[in-house]
Amino acid sequence: MTSTSPPGWVQDAVFYQIFPDRFASSPRVPKPANLEPWDAPPTVHGYKGGDLWGIVEHLDYLQDLGVNALYLNPVFRSACNHRYHPHDYYQVDPLLGGNDALKALLDRAHRRGIRVILDGVFNHVGRGFFPFNDILENGAASPWVDWFTVHEFPPNAYDPSRPPGYEAWKGLHPLPKLNHANPQVREYLMKVAEHWIREGIDGWRLDVPAEIEVEGFWEEFRERVKAVNPEAYLVGEVWREATEWLRGDRFDGVMNYRFTEAVIAFVAGDRVRRELVAGRAYRPWPAIDGLTYAERMDRLLGLYPWAFQLAQYNLLGSHDTARFLSIAGGDEASVRLGVLLLFTFPGAPSVYYGDEIGMEGGHDPDCRRAFPWPRPEAWNRDLLAYHRSLIALRHRHPALRSGSYRRVYADRDTYVFLRRGEDEAILVGVNVAEGNRRVAFPLDLPPHTWPARLFGRGELKREGDLVELVLPPRSGGLWGWMRPTEHP
């Protein structure tokens, strides 16, 4: 029987999202001549030449950062740099090094205790996908015509001035939508999902799952994948509240953009550049205060059973958003506060490649710049150290990974909460104001214990029956209580 609970390893995971064409390039993969310069601004159609061997060669960096899980944007053969236009689900793109490169990445990552999940694009394909290509060649006589919903022959696959003449994602000509009501299509996709789990991937991030409306599709998907590996992680790209997706019969978690938008709106406030968030599926603007943030976190944590809260994929940005530092108008304090909240919240935190060194970027494709390996002077080393410290703290303290979560104080500028496990309790406080904040609140902890500061800035004092917390401007900190025989 398929487990209805998420895999236990996810609550201990720190993810790192990699856009393969832009992270790192290895000489082990032969490259064509017409590539964009690595450091040039990215364009919609241009390739940089990043590959999977490049990731292998930088596993030391990722392990040193504290990463123990990777999420890779699509890797299968395609005719676009982001590879959301799949041509062949069984072949890794040759520009990425082919199937051998993925096998090497899985083997070497797993030796280090790093798990790898892939992007599953199962709603639509590219025009080069063999059944659709056959329709372009043979029209209504194609044996594959029922794999799609075609309204006219010949289909208009390339003239953007006219509708495509077939169902396509968002009406885009390059993205013909599969007919999931066709049992052959459904079985084909299930076998693809099973195949790569057998090959050793640790799960799937499922692209636009709400677009597949055929009843029972995702329930069967879960059953088939979990039958191969019960510990496989299934996480859906769902930008809204996701109660119907997290009942134990579809996904283990979703990309937690409801958390993302609240964090940015709170810590960046009126610094948010509206042109970088307008028209998106999440709303990091208008600004919210600490009380509103507290209410949103309370609501978010009440939406799903606790096991699914611990398997949420928490993030501050992705390939689909402008980079957080740019959204915040370059304000590094906003990023630091957001990162602190990210790594102390229930669920699996994720770092979008390069955010840890202060990469900037606006709307796609600018948010997909190449990682500046050739220019180490461009790295924000202090921000990198900040990420390393918080990731290490999360790995070191079980309360930050699986402990209970309770808000203990909130006002306009301040938010304080407690993570509590069997052997420890950790208090987290943030101040988004431009001045010092001094707050006091009751805290039900043993009177003979006293906290040690684990991270950040600020002072904690006991004032009678209250705890008093003093936080410097635009800062946060963590304080931990351990059993008397243990030390933080």
Protein backbone atom coordinates (compact mmCIF):
# COMPACT_ATOMS: atom_id res chain seq x y z
CA MET A 1 0.00 0.00 0.00
CA THR A 2 1.31 3.44 -0.93
CA SER A 3 2.32 5.59 2.03
CA THR A 4 0.21 8.67 2.55
CA SER A 5 2.99 10.40 4.51
CA PRO A 6 5.91 12.37 3.04
CA PRO A 7 9.39 10.81 3.19
CA GLY A 8 11.12 11.55 6.47
CA TRP A 9 14.36 12.77 4.89
CA VAL A 10 12.74 15.91 3.49
CA GLN A 11 12.47 17.66 6.86
CA ASP A 12 16.25 17.36 7.18
CA ALA A 13 16.95 18.57 3.63
CA VAL A 14 18.50 21.85 2.54
CA PHE A 15 17.81 22.19 -1.18
CA TYR A 16 19.80 24.06 -3.79
CA GLN A 17 18.01 24.81 -7.06
CA ILE A 18 20.15 24.68 -10.19
CA PHE A 19 19.29 25.96 -13.65
CA PRO A 20 21.64 23.60 -15.51
CA ASP A 21 22.55 25.84 -18.46
CA ARG A 22 23.71 28.59 -16.06
CA PHE A 23 25.43 26.99 -13.07
CA ALA A 24 28.74 25.56 -14.30
CA SER A 25 30.33 24.38 -17.55
CA SER A 26 32.78 21.50 -17.81
CA PRO A 27 35.30 20.82 -20.61
CA ARG A 28 34.22 17.17 -20.38
CA VAL A 29 31.14 18.05 -22.45
CA PRO A 30 31.88 19.03 -26.09
CA LYS A 31 30.18 22.31 -26.93
CA PRO A 32 29.01 23.83 -30.21
CA ALA A 33 30.52 27.15 -31.20
CA ASN A 34 27.49 29.41 -31.00
CA LEU A 35 27.23 29.93 -27.24
CA GLU A 36 26.73 33.22 -25.44
CA PRO A 37 29.69 34.47 -23.38
CA TRP A 38 29.31 33.15 -19.84
CA ASP A 39 29.28 36.60 -18.21
CA ALA A 40 27.10 38.32 -20.82
CA PRO A 41 23.50 39.15 -19.85
CA PRO A 42 21.30 36.15 -20.66
CA THR A 43 18.87 36.30 -23.56
CA VAL A 44 15.60 34.48 -24.14
CA HIS A 45 16.96 32.00 -26.66
CA GLY A 46 20.71 31.93 -26.03
CA TYR A 47 22.66 29.10 -24.39
CA LYS A 48 25.57 29.51 -21.98
CA GLY A 49 26.72 25.89 -22.05
CA GLY A 50 26.33 24.85 -18.44
CA ASP A 51 26.11 21.08 -17.97
CA LEU A 52 25.74 18.29 -15.42
CA TRP A 53 29.47 17.55 -15.27
CA GLY A 54 29.88 21.16 -14.19
CA ILE A 55 27.65 20.41 -11.21
CA VAL A 56 29.69 17.28 -10.41
CA GLU A 57 32.87 19.36 -10.40
CA HIS A 58 31.38 21.81 -7.90
CA LEU A 59 29.96 19.32 -5.41
CA ASP A 60 32.70 20.33 -2.96
CA TYR A 61 31.33 23.88 -3.00
CA LEU A 62 27.76 22.70 -2.48
CA GLN A 63 28.70 20.34 0.34
CA ASP A 64 30.72 23.07 2.03
CA LEU A 65 27.67 25.32 1.83
CA GLY A 66 25.72 22.64 3.68
CA VAL A 67 23.46 21.54 0.84
CA ASN A 68 22.20 17.96 0.99
CA ALA A 69 19.57 18.01 -1.78
CA LEU A 70 19.50 19.36 -5.33
CA TYR A 71 16.54 20.38 -7.46
CA LEU A 72 17.47 20.57 -11.13
CA ASN A 73 15.40 22.42 -13.69
CA PRO A 74 14.61 20.17 -16.70
CA VAL A 75 17.47 18.13 -18.09
CA PHE A 76 15.84 16.17 -20.92
CA ARG A 77 16.52 16.80 -24.61
CA SER A 78 14.87 20.00 -25.73
CA ALA A 79 15.19 22.96 -28.08
CA CYS A 80 15.40 25.70 -25.46
CA ASN A 81 17.88 26.69 -22.78
CA HIS A 82 15.40 26.10 -19.93
CA ARG A 83 14.29 22.73 -21.40
CA TYR A 84 10.61 23.07 -20.53
CA HIS A 85 9.97 22.07 -24.19
CA PRO A 86 10.83 18.33 -23.88
CA HIS A 87 11.63 16.36 -27.03
CA ASP A 88 12.68 13.05 -25.47
CA TYR A 89 11.96 12.11 -21.87
CA TYR A 90 14.43 9.23 -21.94
CA GLN A 91 17.48 11.19 -23.09
CA VAL A 92 19.34 13.83 -21.10
CA ASP A 93 20.19 16.72 -23.39
CA PRO A 94 23.59 16.21 -25.05
CA LEU A 95 24.53 19.82 -24.21
CA LEU A 96 24.22 18.76 -20.56
CA GLY A 97 26.40 15.69 -21.07
CA GLY A 98 23.75 13.09 -21.86
CA ASN A 99 22.58 10.18 -19.73
CA ASP A 100 26.12 9.33 -18.59
CA ALA A 101 26.52 12.75 -17.02
CA LEU A 102 23.29 12.38 -15.05
CA LYS A 103 24.36 8.94 -13.86
CA ALA A 104 27.71 10.35 -12.73
CA LEU A 105 25.97 13.21 -10.91
CA LEU A 106 23.59 10.84 -9.13
CA ASP A 107 26.39 8.47 -8.14
CA ARG A 108 28.73 11.15 -6.83
CA ALA A 109 26.02 13.20 -5.14
CA HIS A 110 24.65 10.12 -3.38
CA ARG A 111 28.12 9.20 -2.12
CA ARG A 112 28.13 12.55 -0.33
CA GLY A 113 24.62 12.11 1.05
CA ILE A 114 23.16 14.61 -1.43
CA ARG A 115 19.80 13.72 -2.95
CA VAL A 116 18.70 14.84 -6.42
CA ILE A 117 15.20 15.58 -7.69
CA LEU A 118 14.38 16.39 -11.31
CA ASP A 119 11.82 18.69 -12.90
CA GLY A 120 8.96 16.69 -14.43
CA VAL A 121 7.31 18.52 -17.33
CA PHE A 122 4.35 16.24 -18.04
CA ASN A 123 1.65 18.69 -19.10
CA HIS A 124 3.13 19.73 -22.43
CA VAL A 125 5.99 18.92 -24.79
CA GLY A 126 8.05 20.65 -27.45
CA ARG A 127 7.38 20.64 -31.16
CA GLY A 128 10.23 18.17 -31.56
CA PHE A 129 8.59 15.50 -29.41
CA PHE A 130 8.34 12.53 -31.79
CA PRO A 131 4.51 12.07 -31.81
CA PHE A 132 3.90 15.78 -32.37
CA ASN A 133 6.63 15.97 -34.99
CA ASP A 134 4.90 13.11 -36.80
CA ILE A 135 1.68 15.15 -36.86
CA LEU A 136 3.56 18.09 -38.37
CA GLU A 137 4.85 15.77 -41.09
CA ASN A 138 1.72 13.68 -41.76
CA GLY A 139 -1.22 15.76 -40.58
CA ALA A 140 -4.46 13.94 -39.87
CA ALA A 141 -2.92 10.67 -41.12
CA SER A 142 -0.47 10.58 -38.20
CA PRO A 143 -0.98 7.59 -35.87
CA TRP A 144 -0.21 9.92 -32.97
CA VAL A 145 -2.94 12.45 -33.64
CA ASP A 146 -4.91 11.42 -30.54
CA TRP A 147 -1.96 12.17 -28.28
CA PHE A 148 -2.91 15.84 -28.66
CA THR A 149 -6.04 17.90 -29.24
CA VAL A 150 -5.68 19.25 -32.78
CA HIS A 151 -8.31 21.61 -34.16
CA GLU A 152 -7.05 22.11 -37.70
CA PHE A 153 -4.73 20.55 -40.24
CA PRO A 154 -2.06 21.36 -40.93
CA PRO A 155 -1.44 22.64 -37.40
CA ASN A 156 -0.02 26.14 -37.25
CA ALA A 157 3.11 25.42 -35.26
CA TYR A 158 5.23 28.46 -36.18
CA ASP A 159 3.19 31.52 -37.18
CA PRO A 160 2.63 33.52 -33.97
CA SER A 161 0.21 35.88 -35.76
CA ARG A 162 -2.39 33.09 -35.80
CA PRO A 163 -3.58 30.65 -33.11
CA PRO A 164 -1.70 27.33 -33.12
CA GLY A 165 -4.68 25.21 -34.15
CA TYR A 166 -4.09 22.78 -31.26
CA GLU A 167 -4.29 22.90 -27.50
CA ALA A 168 -1.08 24.46 -26.17
CA TRP A 169 0.01 25.63 -22.74
CA LYS A 170 -1.13 29.25 -22.44
CA GLY A 171 -1.75 29.18 -26.21
CA LEU A 172 1.99 29.15 -26.91
CA HIS A 173 2.89 27.52 -30.22
CA PRO A 174 6.10 25.83 -28.96
CA LEU A 175 4.24 24.01 -26.17
CA PRO A 176 1.63 21.54 -27.48
CA LYS A 177 -0.41 20.13 -24.62
CA LEU A 178 -0.65 16.38 -24.24
CA ASN A 179 -4.06 14.69 -24.23
CA HIS A 180 -3.98 13.06 -20.80
CA ALA A 181 -7.38 11.44 -21.38
CA ASN A 182 -5.64 9.13 -23.86
CA PRO A 183 -4.62 5.97 -21.91
CA GLN A 184 -1.49 5.61 -24.06
CA VAL A 185 -0.31 9.11 -23.13
CA ARG A 186 -1.00 8.47 -19.49
CA GLU A 187 0.87 5.16 -19.51
CA TYR A 188 3.79 6.69 -21.38
CA LEU A 189 4.20 9.40 -18.72
CA MET A 190 3.87 6.95 -15.86
CA LYS A 191 6.62 4.79 -17.33
CA VAL A 192 8.86 7.84 -17.73
CA ALA A 193 8.37 8.71 -14.07
CA GLU A 194 9.08 5.14 -12.97
CA HIS A 195 12.14 4.83 -15.22
CA TRP A 196 14.05 7.74 -13.73
CA ILE A 197 13.18 6.72 -10.18
CA ARG A 198 14.68 3.32 -10.99
CA GLU A 199 17.72 5.11 -12.41
CA GLY A 200 18.27 6.67 -8.99
CA ILE A 201 16.66 10.11 -8.83
CA ASP A 202 15.17 10.91 -5.43
CA GLY A 203 11.94 12.48 -6.57
CA TRP A 204 10.12 14.80 -8.94
CA ARG A 205 9.25 18.47 -8.89
CA LEU A 206 6.06 18.53 -10.97
CA ASP A 207 5.58 21.45 -13.34
CA VAL A 208 2.13 23.13 -13.59
CA PRO A 209 0.30 20.09 -12.16
CA ALA A 210 -3.07 21.88 -12.00
CA GLU A 211 -3.08 21.97 -15.81
CA ILE A 212 -3.57 18.19 -15.86
CA GLU A 213 -7.23 17.90 -14.98
CA VAL A 214 -7.90 14.26 -15.87
CA GLU A 215 -9.35 12.59 -12.79
CA GLY A 216 -6.99 10.26 -10.99
CA PHE A 217 -3.85 11.17 -12.92
CA TRP A 218 -1.81 12.44 -9.97
CA GLU A 219 -3.15 9.76 -7.64
CA GLU A 220 -1.92 7.09 -10.03
CA PHE A 221 1.35 8.98 -10.49
CA ARG A 222 1.97 8.84 -6.74
CA GLU A 223 1.13 5.15 -6.53
CA ARG A 224 3.40 4.24 -9.43
CA VAL A 225 6.38 6.29 -8.23
CA LYS A 226 6.08 5.25 -4.59
CA ALA A 227 5.84 1.60 -5.62
CA VAL A 228 9.33 1.94 -7.09
CA ASN A 229 10.75 4.02 -4.22
CA PRO A 230 8.55 4.80 -1.20
CA GLU A 231 11.07 7.48 -0.17
CA ALA A 232 10.75 9.45 -3.41
CA TYR A 233 9.75 13.09 -2.85
CA LEU A 234 6.90 14.51 -4.94
CA VAL A 235 6.61 18.30 -4.84
CA GLY A 236 4.21 20.28 -6.97
CA GLU A 237 4.49 23.73 -8.48
CA VAL A 238 1.39 25.11 -6.77
CA TRP A 239 1.53 28.86 -6.06
CA ARG A 240 -1.69 29.06 -4.04
CA GLU A 241 -2.99 27.30 -0.96
CA ALA A 242 -2.76 23.60 -1.67
CA THR A 243 -5.01 21.68 0.69
CA GLU A 244 -6.40 19.49 -2.11
CA TRP A 245 -2.86 18.54 -3.17
CA LEU A 246 -1.61 17.57 0.29
CA ARG A 247 -4.09 14.96 1.52
CA GLY A 248 -1.68 12.06 1.14
CA ASP A 249 -2.90 10.90 -2.26
CA ARG A 250 -0.98 13.26 -4.58
CA PHE A 251 2.05 15.22 -3.43
CA ASP A 252 4.30 15.33 -0.38
CA GLY A 253 4.78 19.09 -0.58
CA VAL A 254 4.40 22.12 -2.81
CA MET A 255 6.60 25.08 -3.64
CA ASN A 256 5.60 27.28 -0.74
CA TYR A 257 5.14 30.62 -2.48
CA ARG A 258 2.60 31.66 0.17
CA PHE A 259 5.52 31.67 2.60
CA THR A 260 7.74 33.45 0.06
CA GLU A 261 5.39 36.35 -0.53
CA ALA A 262 4.74 36.95 3.16
CA VAL A 263 8.45 36.95 4.05
CA ILE A 264 9.36 39.42 1.31
CA ALA A 265 6.43 41.72 2.07
CA PHE A 266 7.41 41.78 5.76
CA VAL A 267 11.20 42.07 5.70
CA ALA A 268 11.57 44.21 2.55
CA GLY A 269 8.37 46.21 3.01
CA ASP A 270 8.23 49.36 0.91
CA ARG A 271 11.67 48.61 -0.52
CA VAL A 272 10.02 46.08 -2.84
CA ARG A 273 10.38 47.11 -6.48
CA ARG A 274 6.82 46.69 -7.68
CA GLU A 275 7.77 46.34 -11.33
CA LEU A 276 9.61 43.13 -10.41
CA VAL A 277 6.63 41.49 -8.70
CA ALA A 278 3.64 42.87 -10.62
CA GLY A 279 1.66 40.36 -12.62
CA ARG A 280 3.17 37.33 -10.92
CA ALA A 281 1.27 34.45 -9.32
CA TYR A 282 2.50 35.49 -5.87
CA ARG A 283 2.13 38.88 -4.14
CA PRO A 284 5.13 40.14 -2.16
CA TRP A 285 3.61 43.63 -2.22
CA PRO A 286 2.04 45.65 -0.63
CA ALA A 287 4.14 45.70 2.52
CA ILE A 288 2.85 43.97 5.64
CA ASP A 289 3.71 44.53 9.28
CA GLY A 290 4.73 41.98 11.88
CA LEU A 291 1.18 41.38 13.08
CA THR A 292 -0.03 40.61 9.58
CA TYR A 293 2.98 38.38 8.99
CA ALA A 294 2.18 36.52 12.21
CA GLU A 295 -1.42 36.01 11.11
CA ARG A 296 -0.30 34.70 7.72
CA MET A 297 2.15 32.27 9.27
CA ASP A 298 -0.50 31.05 11.71
CA ARG A 299 -2.91 30.49 8.83
CA LEU A 300 -0.27 28.80 6.67
CA LEU A 301 0.70 26.44 9.47
CA GLY A 302 -2.95 25.57 10.00
CA LEU A 303 -3.59 24.57 6.40
CA TYR A 304 -1.89 21.16 6.26
CA PRO A 305 -1.17 18.28 8.63
CA TRP A 306 2.15 18.65 10.46
CA ALA A 307 3.89 15.91 8.47
CA PHE A 308 3.17 17.83 5.27
CA GLN A 309 4.29 21.13 6.83
CA LEU A 310 7.68 19.51 7.40
CA ALA A 311 7.83 18.50 3.72
CA GLN A 312 7.00 21.88 2.21
CA TYR A 313 9.55 23.23 -0.29
CA ASN A 314 10.26 26.69 1.16
CA LEU A 315 11.94 29.31 -0.98
CA LEU A 316 12.69 33.01 -1.38
CA GLY A 317 13.05 32.92 -5.16
CA SER A 318 13.30 30.65 -8.17
CA HIS A 319 13.77 30.64 -11.95
CA ASP A 320 10.20 32.01 -12.18
CA THR A 321 10.77 35.10 -10.02
CA ALA A 322 13.12 38.05 -9.96
CA ARG A 323 15.94 37.54 -7.49
CA PHE A 324 15.20 38.54 -3.93
CA LEU A 325 18.09 41.01 -3.68
CA SER A 326 16.82 42.83 -6.77
CA ILE A 327 13.21 42.78 -5.55
CA ALA A 328 14.43 44.38 -2.30
CA GLY A 329 16.16 47.17 -4.24
CA GLY A 330 19.62 45.86 -3.35
CA ASP A 331 18.95 46.01 0.40
CA GLU A 332 21.10 43.26 1.88
CA ALA A 333 19.48 43.52 5.31
CA SER A 334 16.17 42.43 3.76
CA VAL A 335 17.87 39.37 2.31
CA ARG A 336 19.52 38.47 5.60
CA LEU A 337 16.26 38.76 7.50
CA GLY A 338 14.47 36.68 4.88
CA VAL A 339 17.15 33.99 4.94
CA LEU A 340 16.95 33.83 8.72
CA LEU A 341 13.19 33.25 8.56
CA LEU A 342 13.65 30.70 5.76
CA PHE A 343 16.10 28.50 7.67
CA THR A 344 14.11 28.55 10.91
CA PHE A 345 10.68 27.75 9.41
CA PRO A 346 9.15 24.24 9.25
CA GLY A 347 9.79 22.56 5.91
CA ALA A 348 12.74 22.12 3.60
CA PRO A 349 14.51 25.42 2.80
CA SER A 350 15.85 25.99 -0.71
CA VAL A 351 18.50 28.34 -2.06
CA TYR A 352 18.21 29.41 -5.70
CA TYR A 353 21.69 29.09 -7.18
CA GLY A 354 23.75 32.23 -6.63
CA ASP A 355 21.46 33.88 -4.10
CA GLU A 356 23.96 32.87 -1.42
CA ILE A 357 26.61 35.12 -3.02
CA GLY A 358 24.29 38.04 -3.74
CA MET A 359 23.44 37.50 -7.40
CA GLU A 360 20.87 39.92 -8.76
CA GLY A 361 18.43 39.69 -11.63
CA GLY A 362 15.07 40.96 -12.81
CA HIS A 363 12.40 39.17 -14.78
CA ASP A 364 13.19 36.06 -16.84
CA PRO A 365 15.69 35.73 -18.45
CA ASP A 366 17.64 38.13 -16.20
CA CYS A 367 17.00 36.00 -13.10
CA ARG A 368 18.82 33.17 -14.90
CA ARG A 369 22.28 34.72 -15.16
CA ALA A 370 25.34 32.49 -15.19
CA PHE A 371 27.01 31.78 -11.85
CA PRO A 372 30.13 34.00 -11.72
CA TRP A 373 32.76 31.34 -11.16
CA PRO A 374 35.23 33.29 -13.34
CA ARG A 375 34.74 36.43 -11.21
CA PRO A 376 35.13 35.59 -7.52
CA GLU A 377 35.47 39.30 -6.84
CA ALA A 378 31.73 39.54 -7.64
CA TRP A 379 30.84 37.27 -4.73
CA ASN A 380 29.40 38.69 -1.53
CA ARG A 381 31.54 36.63 0.84
CA ASP A 382 29.80 37.92 3.96
CA LEU A 383 26.42 36.84 2.62
CA LEU A 384 27.88 33.45 1.70
CA ALA A 385 29.19 33.04 5.26
CA TYR A 386 25.77 34.06 6.59
CA HIS A 387 24.11 31.29 4.58
CA ARG A 388 26.71 28.74 5.66
CA SER A 389 26.22 29.60 9.32
CA LEU A 390 22.44 29.34 9.23
CA ILE A 391 22.51 26.10 7.25
CA ALA A 392 24.99 24.60 9.74
CA LEU A 393 22.79 25.74 12.62
CA ARG A 394 19.77 24.05 11.06
CA HIS A 395 21.70 20.81 10.60
CA ARG A 396 22.98 20.98 14.17
CA HIS A 397 19.63 21.58 15.92
CA PRO A 398 16.74 19.14 15.43
CA ALA A 399 14.30 21.68 16.85
CA LEU A 400 14.81 23.84 13.74
CA ARG A 401 13.99 20.89 11.48
CA SER A 402 11.16 19.11 13.22
CA GLY A 403 10.35 20.98 16.44
CA SER A 404 6.97 22.54 17.10
CA TYR A 405 6.43 26.14 16.02
CA ARG A 406 4.68 28.78 18.10
CA ARG A 407 4.40 32.52 17.75
CA VAL A 408 5.24 34.18 21.10
CA TYR A 409 5.21 37.87 20.16
CA ALA A 410 4.39 40.16 17.25
CA ASP A 411 3.96 43.89 16.74
CA ARG A 412 4.35 46.26 13.82
CA ASP A 413 8.10 45.79 13.44
CA THR A 414 8.91 42.65 15.41
CA TYR A 415 8.15 38.95 15.13
CA VAL A 416 9.28 36.33 17.65
CA PHE A 417 8.61 32.59 17.61
CA LEU A 418 9.71 29.41 19.35
CA ARG A 419 10.81 26.09 17.84
CA ARG A 420 10.70 23.36 20.46
CA GLY A 421 11.95 19.78 20.32
CA GLU A 422 12.39 17.02 22.87
CA ASP A 423 15.76 18.22 24.14
CA GLU A 424 15.94 21.85 23.14
CA ALA A 425 14.03 25.01 22.45
CA ILE A 426 15.12 27.80 20.13
CA LEU A 427 13.75 31.32 20.19
CA VAL A 428 13.94 33.34 16.96
CA GLY A 429 13.37 37.08 16.81
CA VAL A 430 13.51 39.59 13.97
CA ASN A 431 13.26 43.36 13.89
CA VAL A 432 12.51 44.99 10.52
CA ALA A 433 12.57 48.56 11.86
CA GLU A 434 15.29 51.16 11.33
CA GLY A 435 15.72 51.56 15.08
CA ASN A 436 16.27 49.34 18.12
CA ARG A 437 13.29 47.37 19.37
CA ARG A 438 12.81 46.26 22.98
CA VAL A 439 9.97 43.81 23.59
CA ALA A 440 8.87 41.64 26.51
CA PHE A 441 6.70 38.54 26.65
CA PRO A 442 6.05 35.50 28.87
CA LEU A 443 7.85 32.30 27.95
CA ASP A 444 7.07 28.93 29.54
CA LEU A 445 10.56 27.48 29.91
CA PRO A 446 12.15 25.90 32.98
CA PRO A 447 13.24 28.62 35.44
CA HIS A 448 16.67 27.07 36.07
CA THR A 449 17.68 27.26 32.41
CA TRP A 450 19.03 30.27 30.58
CA PRO A 451 19.59 30.64 26.86
CA ALA A 452 22.78 30.96 24.88
CA ARG A 453 22.80 33.10 21.78
CA LEU A 454 23.28 30.79 18.82
CA PHE A 455 23.27 33.28 15.97
CA GLY A 456 22.81 36.90 15.04
CA ARG A 457 22.51 39.99 17.17
CA GLY A 458 20.53 41.16 20.15
CA GLU A 459 20.22 40.55 23.89
CA LEU A 460 17.86 38.39 25.91
CA LYS A 461 17.10 39.10 29.59
CA ARG A 462 14.73 37.79 32.23
CA GLU A 463 12.55 40.44 33.86
CA GLY A 464 10.45 38.74 36.53
CA ASP A 465 7.95 36.49 34.78
CA LEU A 466 8.82 37.99 31.41
CA VAL A 467 11.60 37.58 28.88
CA GLU A 468 12.91 40.84 27.43
CA LEU A 469 14.41 40.85 23.96
CA VAL A 470 16.42 43.74 22.56
CA LEU A 471 17.07 43.67 18.81
CA PRO A 472 19.25 46.14 16.89
CA PRO A 473 17.89 47.75 13.70
CA ARG A 474 17.11 45.46 10.74
CA SER A 475 18.45 42.37 12.45
CA GLY A 476 17.54 39.05 14.00
CA GLY A 477 18.92 36.39 16.27
CA LEU A 478 18.48 32.91 17.72
CA TRP A 479 18.72 31.83 21.35
CA GLY A 480 18.75 28.20 22.47
CA TRP A 481 17.86 26.33 25.64
CA MET A 482 19.39 22.87 26.00
CA ARG A 483 19.18 20.18 28.64
CA PRO A 484 21.72 20.92 31.41
CA THR A 485 24.09 18.22 30.12
CA GLU A 486 24.07 19.63 26.58
CA HIS A 487 25.64 22.70 25.10
CA PRO A 488 24.64 24.66 21.97
